[in-house]
Protein backbone atom coordinates (compact mmCIF):
# COMPACT_ATOMS: atom_id res chain seq x y z
CA UNK A 1 -9.12 20.01 9.70
CA UNK A 2 -8.92 20.57 13.53
CA UNK A 3 -5.23 18.36 15.14
CA UNK A 4 -7.49 15.58 15.69
CA UNK A 5 -8.26 14.95 12.68
CA UNK A 6 -4.91 15.04 11.40
CA UNK A 7 -3.50 12.56 14.08
CA UNK A 8 -5.28 10.40 13.40
CA UNK A 9 -4.97 10.23 9.33
CA UNK A 10 -1.23 9.92 10.07
CA UNK A 11 -1.95 7.27 12.26
CA UNK A 12 -4.17 5.22 9.86
CA UNK A 13 -2.00 6.10 6.79
CA UNK A 14 1.62 4.52 9.09
CA UNK A 15 -0.71 1.85 9.40
CA UNK A 16 -1.17 1.24 5.89
CA UNK A 17 2.48 2.33 5.07
CA UNK A 18 3.75 -0.42 7.06
CA UNK A 19 1.49 -3.24 6.77
CA UNK A 20 0.93 -3.39 3.12
CA UNK A 21 5.63 -3.09 2.70
CA UNK A 22 4.75 -5.57 4.87
CA UNK A 23 2.60 -7.84 3.01
CA UNK A 24 4.59 -6.80 -0.31
CA UNK A 25 7.56 -8.36 0.94
CA UNK A 26 6.43 -11.25 1.68
CA UNK A 27 4.55 -11.95 -1.44
CA UNK A 28 7.99 -11.68 -2.99
CA UNK A 29 9.68 -13.84 -0.78
CA UNK A 30 6.41 -16.71 -1.48
CA UNK A 31 6.82 -15.47 -5.25
CA UNK A 32 10.41 -17.29 -5.36
CA UNK A 33 10.15 -15.95 -9.47
CA UNK A 34 9.87 -12.65 -8.74
CA UNK A 35 13.36 -10.96 -9.40
CA UNK A 36 13.55 -8.93 -11.78
CA UNK A 37 9.75 -8.58 -12.58
CA UNK A 38 7.99 -5.54 -12.92
CA UNK A 39 4.41 -5.86 -10.80
CA UNK A 40 1.50 -3.76 -11.53
CA UNK A 41 0.42 -2.70 -8.49
CA UNK A 42 -3.40 -1.05 -7.57
CA UNK A 43 -4.35 0.11 -4.08
CA UNK A 44 -8.06 1.19 -3.64
CA UNK A 45 -9.10 3.56 -0.67
CA UNK A 46 -13.08 3.05 0.32
CA UNK A 47 -13.83 5.14 3.14
CA UNK A 48 -17.13 4.32 4.40
CA UNK A 49 -20.50 6.74 4.73
CA UNK A 50 -18.33 9.78 3.16
CA UNK A 51 -18.79 7.41 -0.52
CA UNK A 52 -15.73 7.99 -1.25
CA UNK A 53 -13.02 5.52 -3.41
CA UNK A 54 -8.76 6.45 -4.18
CA UNK A 55 -7.25 5.11 -6.30
CA UNK A 56 -3.40 5.15 -6.61
CA UNK A 57 -1.67 2.67 -9.45
CA UNK A 58 2.11 1.93 -9.78
CA UNK A 59 4.58 -0.52 -11.12
CA UNK A 60 6.75 -2.56 -8.26
CA UNK A 61 10.15 -3.88 -9.35
CA UNK A 62 11.14 -7.37 -8.36
CA UNK A 63 14.67 -7.49 -6.11
CA UNK A 64 17.78 -7.38 -8.67
CA UNK A 65 19.47 -10.23 -6.63
């Protein structure tokens, strides 16, 4: 793959990471009762035109304090 592709992919993934973290932090703050709880998280990535879907699942622990 070429440099332009790698840069555009990295830029997209950085945007996904930063905006997703912000959304999760906001949701945790707004939940009120998230302290110490474990939440199941699921992220689905689809790319139009490539007939591609990628799913990542995991757990996110609420703040301890």
